[in-house]
Amino acid sequence: MSTLHVLSHSPFGDDRLTSCLRLIGSADALLLSGDAVYALQTGTAPFTALQNRQINVFALAEDAQARAIEVPDWAEAIDYPAFVELSIHHDKVNSWL
């Protein structure tokens, strides 16, 4: 069973990303939205943590663009229709509120 993990809070304000990375499985995916896209800032601890994991990482393109964050090659920028498709593709969706 696979889970889509959705993060929307900045990785610099709390430990949601760290907790998520401890629980995420190889069949799961991670979607960064809102301020969570700051995890994709090159040279930061969250960037390194995500880059070193072999998981599927997605970022809402609109949110990355609004924050002037470039989505790296190992992650995929998606739009809202693709977010819906990801939600349907996975058995569960876990929003880290």
N, C-alpha and C. Protein backbone atom coordinates (compact mmCIF):
# COMPACT_ATOMS: atom_id res chain seq x y z
N MET A 1 0.83 -1.17 0.00
CA MET A 1 0.00 0.00 0.00
C MET A 1 0.89 1.25 0.00
N SER A 2 0.59 2.19 -0.88
CA SER A 2 1.42 3.39 -0.98
C SER A 2 0.67 4.61 -0.43
N THR A 3 1.46 5.57 0.01
CA THR A 3 0.92 6.80 0.59
C THR A 3 1.55 8.01 -0.08
N LEU A 4 0.71 8.99 -0.37
CA LEU A 4 1.20 10.29 -0.82
C LEU A 4 1.26 11.17 0.42
N HIS A 5 2.46 11.61 0.77
CA HIS A 5 2.66 12.49 1.92
C HIS A 5 2.68 13.93 1.41
N VAL A 6 1.85 14.78 1.99
CA VAL A 6 1.74 16.17 1.55
C VAL A 6 2.20 17.09 2.67
N LEU A 7 3.23 17.87 2.37
CA LEU A 7 3.75 18.84 3.33
C LEU A 7 3.52 20.25 2.79
N SER A 8 3.09 21.16 3.67
CA SER A 8 2.87 22.53 3.23
C SER A 8 3.56 23.56 4.12
N HIS A 9 4.20 23.12 5.19
CA HIS A 9 4.87 24.05 6.12
C HIS A 9 6.37 24.10 5.84
N SER A 10 6.96 25.23 6.12
CA SER A 10 8.40 25.41 5.92
C SER A 10 9.18 24.38 6.73
N PRO A 11 10.20 23.78 6.13
CA PRO A 11 11.03 22.82 6.86
C PRO A 11 11.92 23.49 7.90
N PHE A 12 11.95 24.82 7.91
CA PHE A 12 12.80 25.55 8.84
C PHE A 12 12.05 25.97 10.11
N GLY A 13 10.74 25.68 10.15
CA GLY A 13 9.94 26.09 11.29
C GLY A 13 9.61 24.99 12.27
N ASP A 14 9.70 23.75 11.82
CA ASP A 14 9.38 22.61 12.69
C ASP A 14 9.98 21.33 12.13
N ASP A 15 9.62 20.20 12.70
CA ASP A 15 10.23 18.91 12.31
C ASP A 15 9.32 18.02 11.46
N ARG A 16 8.31 18.60 10.81
CA ARG A 16 7.40 17.77 10.02
C ARG A 16 8.14 17.00 8.93
N LEU A 17 9.03 17.67 8.20
CA LEU A 17 9.77 17.00 7.12
C LEU A 17 10.62 15.87 7.68
N THR A 18 11.31 16.10 8.76
CA THR A 18 12.15 15.08 9.38
C THR A 18 11.31 13.88 9.80
N SER A 19 10.18 14.14 10.42
CA SER A 19 9.28 13.06 10.85
C SER A 19 8.74 12.29 9.65
N CYS A 20 8.38 13.01 8.61
CA CYS A 20 7.87 12.38 7.39
C CYS A 20 8.93 11.47 6.78
N LEU A 21 10.16 11.96 6.70
CA LEU A 21 11.23 11.16 6.09
C LEU A 21 11.56 9.91 6.90
N ARG A 22 11.28 9.93 8.20
CA ARG A 22 11.48 8.73 9.02
C ARG A 22 10.44 7.67 8.69
N LEU A 23 9.24 8.10 8.29
CA LEU A 23 8.13 7.16 8.08
C LEU A 23 7.90 6.77 6.62
N ILE A 24 8.38 7.56 5.70
CA ILE A 24 8.05 7.35 4.29
C ILE A 24 8.66 6.04 3.77
N GLY A 25 7.87 5.32 2.99
CA GLY A 25 8.32 4.05 2.43
C GLY A 25 8.77 4.19 0.99
N SER A 26 9.37 3.16 0.47
CA SER A 26 9.92 3.21 -0.89
C SER A 26 8.84 3.34 -1.97
N ALA A 27 7.62 2.90 -1.68
CA ALA A 27 6.52 3.01 -2.65
C ALA A 27 5.76 4.32 -2.50
N ASP A 28 6.09 5.09 -1.46
CA ASP A 28 5.39 6.34 -1.18
C ASP A 28 5.95 7.48 -2.03
N ALA A 29 5.26 8.61 -1.97
CA ALA A 29 5.71 9.83 -2.65
C ALA A 29 5.53 11.00 -1.70
N LEU A 30 6.28 12.05 -1.95
CA LEU A 30 6.23 13.27 -1.14
C LEU A 30 5.90 14.44 -2.05
N LEU A 31 4.86 15.18 -1.68
CA LEU A 31 4.49 16.39 -2.41
C LEU A 31 4.73 17.60 -1.52
N LEU A 32 5.54 18.51 -2.01
CA LEU A 32 5.82 19.76 -1.30
C LEU A 32 4.94 20.85 -1.88
N SER A 33 4.22 21.52 -1.00
CA SER A 33 3.36 22.63 -1.43
C SER A 33 3.56 23.79 -0.46
N GLY A 34 3.06 24.95 -0.84
CA GLY A 34 3.19 26.11 0.04
C GLY A 34 4.65 26.35 0.42
N ASP A 35 4.86 26.70 1.69
CA ASP A 35 6.22 26.98 2.16
C ASP A 35 7.12 25.75 2.24
N ALA A 36 6.56 24.57 2.10
CA ALA A 36 7.38 23.35 2.12
C ALA A 36 8.34 23.29 0.94
N VAL A 37 8.05 24.04 -0.14
CA VAL A 37 8.97 24.04 -1.29
C VAL A 37 10.32 24.65 -0.93
N TYR A 38 10.41 25.37 0.19
CA TYR A 38 11.70 25.89 0.63
C TYR A 38 12.69 24.76 0.93
N ALA A 39 12.21 23.54 1.10
CA ALA A 39 13.08 22.39 1.30
C ALA A 39 13.94 22.13 0.06
N LEU A 40 13.57 22.73 -1.06
CA LEU A 40 14.31 22.52 -2.31
C LEU A 40 15.38 23.59 -2.54
N GLN A 41 15.65 24.42 -1.54
CA GLN A 41 16.71 25.42 -1.66
C GLN A 41 18.07 24.72 -1.59
N THR A 42 18.85 24.87 -2.63
CA THR A 42 20.17 24.25 -2.71
C THR A 42 21.03 24.65 -1.53
N GLY A 43 21.76 23.67 -1.00
CA GLY A 43 22.71 23.94 0.07
C GLY A 43 22.14 23.90 1.47
N THR A 44 20.85 23.63 1.60
CA THR A 44 20.24 23.57 2.93
C THR A 44 20.16 22.11 3.41
N ALA A 45 20.02 21.93 4.71
CA ALA A 45 19.89 20.58 5.28
C ALA A 45 18.67 19.84 4.73
N PRO A 46 17.50 20.49 4.59
CA PRO A 46 16.36 19.78 4.01
C PRO A 46 16.63 19.32 2.57
N PHE A 47 17.29 20.17 1.78
CA PHE A 47 17.63 19.82 0.40
C PHE A 47 18.49 18.56 0.38
N THR A 48 19.52 18.54 1.22
CA THR A 48 20.42 17.38 1.29
C THR A 48 19.68 16.14 1.75
N ALA A 49 18.81 16.28 2.74
CA ALA A 49 18.05 15.13 3.24
C ALA A 49 17.16 14.54 2.16
N LEU A 50 16.52 15.40 1.37
CA LEU A 50 15.65 14.92 0.29
C LEU A 50 16.47 14.33 -0.84
N GLN A 51 17.57 14.97 -1.18
CA GLN A 51 18.41 14.52 -2.30
C GLN A 51 19.00 13.14 -2.02
N ASN A 52 19.33 12.88 -0.77
CA ASN A 52 19.98 11.62 -0.41
C ASN A 52 19.00 10.45 -0.28
N ARG A 53 17.71 10.73 -0.24
CA ARG A 53 16.70 9.68 -0.13
C ARG A 53 16.27 9.25 -1.52
N GLN A 54 15.97 8.00 -1.67
CA GLN A 54 15.50 7.52 -2.96
C GLN A 54 13.98 7.40 -2.92
N ILE A 55 13.34 8.57 -2.92
CA ILE A 55 11.88 8.63 -2.91
C ILE A 55 11.43 9.55 -4.03
N ASN A 56 10.18 9.41 -4.42
CA ASN A 56 9.61 10.29 -5.43
C ASN A 56 9.20 11.60 -4.77
N VAL A 57 9.82 12.70 -5.20
CA VAL A 57 9.54 14.01 -4.64
C VAL A 57 8.89 14.86 -5.73
N PHE A 58 7.78 15.47 -5.36
CA PHE A 58 7.05 16.36 -6.26
C PHE A 58 6.89 17.71 -5.56
N ALA A 59 6.77 18.77 -6.35
CA ALA A 59 6.54 20.10 -5.81
C ALA A 59 5.51 20.79 -6.69
N LEU A 60 4.58 21.49 -6.05
CA LEU A 60 3.62 22.26 -6.84
C LEU A 60 4.37 23.40 -7.53
N ALA A 61 4.33 23.38 -8.84
CA ALA A 61 5.08 24.35 -9.65
C ALA A 61 4.69 25.78 -9.31
N GLU A 62 3.42 26.02 -9.09
CA GLU A 62 2.93 27.36 -8.76
C GLU A 62 3.57 27.88 -7.47
N ASP A 63 3.69 27.02 -6.47
CA ASP A 63 4.26 27.43 -5.20
C ASP A 63 5.77 27.65 -5.31
N ALA A 64 6.45 26.80 -6.06
CA ALA A 64 7.89 26.98 -6.27
C ALA A 64 8.16 28.26 -7.03
N GLN A 65 7.38 28.51 -8.05
CA GLN A 65 7.55 29.72 -8.85
C GLN A 65 7.29 30.97 -8.01
N ALA A 66 6.26 30.94 -7.18
CA ALA A 66 5.92 32.10 -6.35
C ALA A 66 7.03 32.43 -5.35
N ARG A 67 7.84 31.42 -4.99
CA ARG A 67 8.91 31.62 -4.02
C ARG A 67 10.29 31.64 -4.67
N ALA A 68 10.31 31.68 -6.01
CA ALA A 68 11.56 31.71 -6.78
C ALA A 68 12.47 30.53 -6.43
N ILE A 69 11.87 29.35 -6.27
CA ILE A 69 12.61 28.13 -5.97
C ILE A 69 12.70 27.29 -7.25
N GLU A 70 13.91 26.92 -7.62
CA GLU A 70 14.09 26.04 -8.77
C GLU A 70 13.93 24.60 -8.32
N VAL A 71 13.13 23.85 -9.04
CA VAL A 71 12.92 22.44 -8.71
C VAL A 71 14.07 21.65 -9.33
N PRO A 72 14.83 20.92 -8.49
CA PRO A 72 16.00 20.18 -9.01
C PRO A 72 15.58 19.00 -9.89
N ASP A 73 16.56 18.44 -10.59
CA ASP A 73 16.30 17.33 -11.52
C ASP A 73 15.71 16.11 -10.84
N TRP A 74 16.04 15.86 -9.59
CA TRP A 74 15.58 14.66 -8.90
C TRP A 74 14.17 14.80 -8.33
N ALA A 75 13.56 15.98 -8.50
CA ALA A 75 12.17 16.20 -8.10
C ALA A 75 11.39 16.62 -9.34
N GLU A 76 10.07 16.57 -9.23
CA GLU A 76 9.24 16.92 -10.39
C GLU A 76 8.25 18.02 -10.01
N ALA A 77 8.25 19.08 -10.80
CA ALA A 77 7.28 20.16 -10.63
C ALA A 77 5.97 19.73 -11.29
N ILE A 78 4.88 19.87 -10.55
CA ILE A 78 3.58 19.46 -11.08
C ILE A 78 2.55 20.56 -10.87
N ASP A 79 1.43 20.46 -11.60
CA ASP A 79 0.33 21.39 -11.44
C ASP A 79 -0.78 20.72 -10.62
N TYR A 80 -1.88 21.43 -10.41
CA TYR A 80 -2.96 20.89 -9.58
C TYR A 80 -3.64 19.65 -10.17
N PRO A 81 -3.87 19.59 -11.49
CA PRO A 81 -4.43 18.35 -12.03
C PRO A 81 -3.51 17.13 -11.79
N ALA A 82 -2.20 17.34 -11.86
CA ALA A 82 -1.26 16.24 -11.59
C ALA A 82 -1.30 15.86 -10.10
N PHE A 83 -1.55 16.84 -9.23
CA PHE A 83 -1.71 16.57 -7.80
C PHE A 83 -2.91 15.65 -7.58
N VAL A 84 -4.00 15.92 -8.28
CA VAL A 84 -5.18 15.07 -8.17
C VAL A 84 -4.85 13.65 -8.65
N GLU A 85 -4.13 13.56 -9.75
CA GLU A 85 -3.72 12.23 -10.28
C GLU A 85 -2.86 11.48 -9.27
N LEU A 86 -1.93 12.17 -8.64
CA LEU A 86 -1.10 11.54 -7.61
C LEU A 86 -1.96 11.02 -6.46
N SER A 87 -2.94 11.82 -6.06
CA SER A 87 -3.84 11.42 -4.97
C SER A 87 -4.61 10.16 -5.33
N ILE A 88 -5.03 10.07 -6.57
CA ILE A 88 -5.78 8.89 -7.02
C ILE A 88 -4.87 7.68 -7.14
N HIS A 89 -3.64 7.90 -7.57
CA HIS A 89 -2.68 6.81 -7.79
C HIS A 89 -2.28 6.11 -6.49
N HIS A 90 -2.20 6.85 -5.40
CA HIS A 90 -1.80 6.27 -4.12
C HIS A 90 -3.00 5.80 -3.32
N ASP A 91 -2.78 4.79 -2.49
CA ASP A 91 -3.86 4.23 -1.69
C ASP A 91 -4.34 5.19 -0.62
N LYS A 92 -3.41 5.96 -0.05
CA LYS A 92 -3.75 6.91 1.02
C LYS A 92 -3.05 8.23 0.76
N VAL A 93 -3.63 9.29 1.33
CA VAL A 93 -3.00 10.60 1.31
C VAL A 93 -2.88 11.05 2.76
N ASN A 94 -1.66 11.40 3.15
CA ASN A 94 -1.40 11.86 4.52
C ASN A 94 -0.93 13.31 4.45
N SER A 95 -1.77 14.23 4.92
CA SER A 95 -1.39 15.63 4.99
C SER A 95 -0.77 15.91 6.35
N TRP A 96 0.44 16.40 6.34
CA TRP A 96 1.16 16.69 7.58
C TRP A 96 0.78 18.10 8.03
N LEU A 97 -0.32 18.19 8.76
CA LEU A 97 -0.84 19.49 9.19
C LEU A 97 -0.14 20.05 10.37
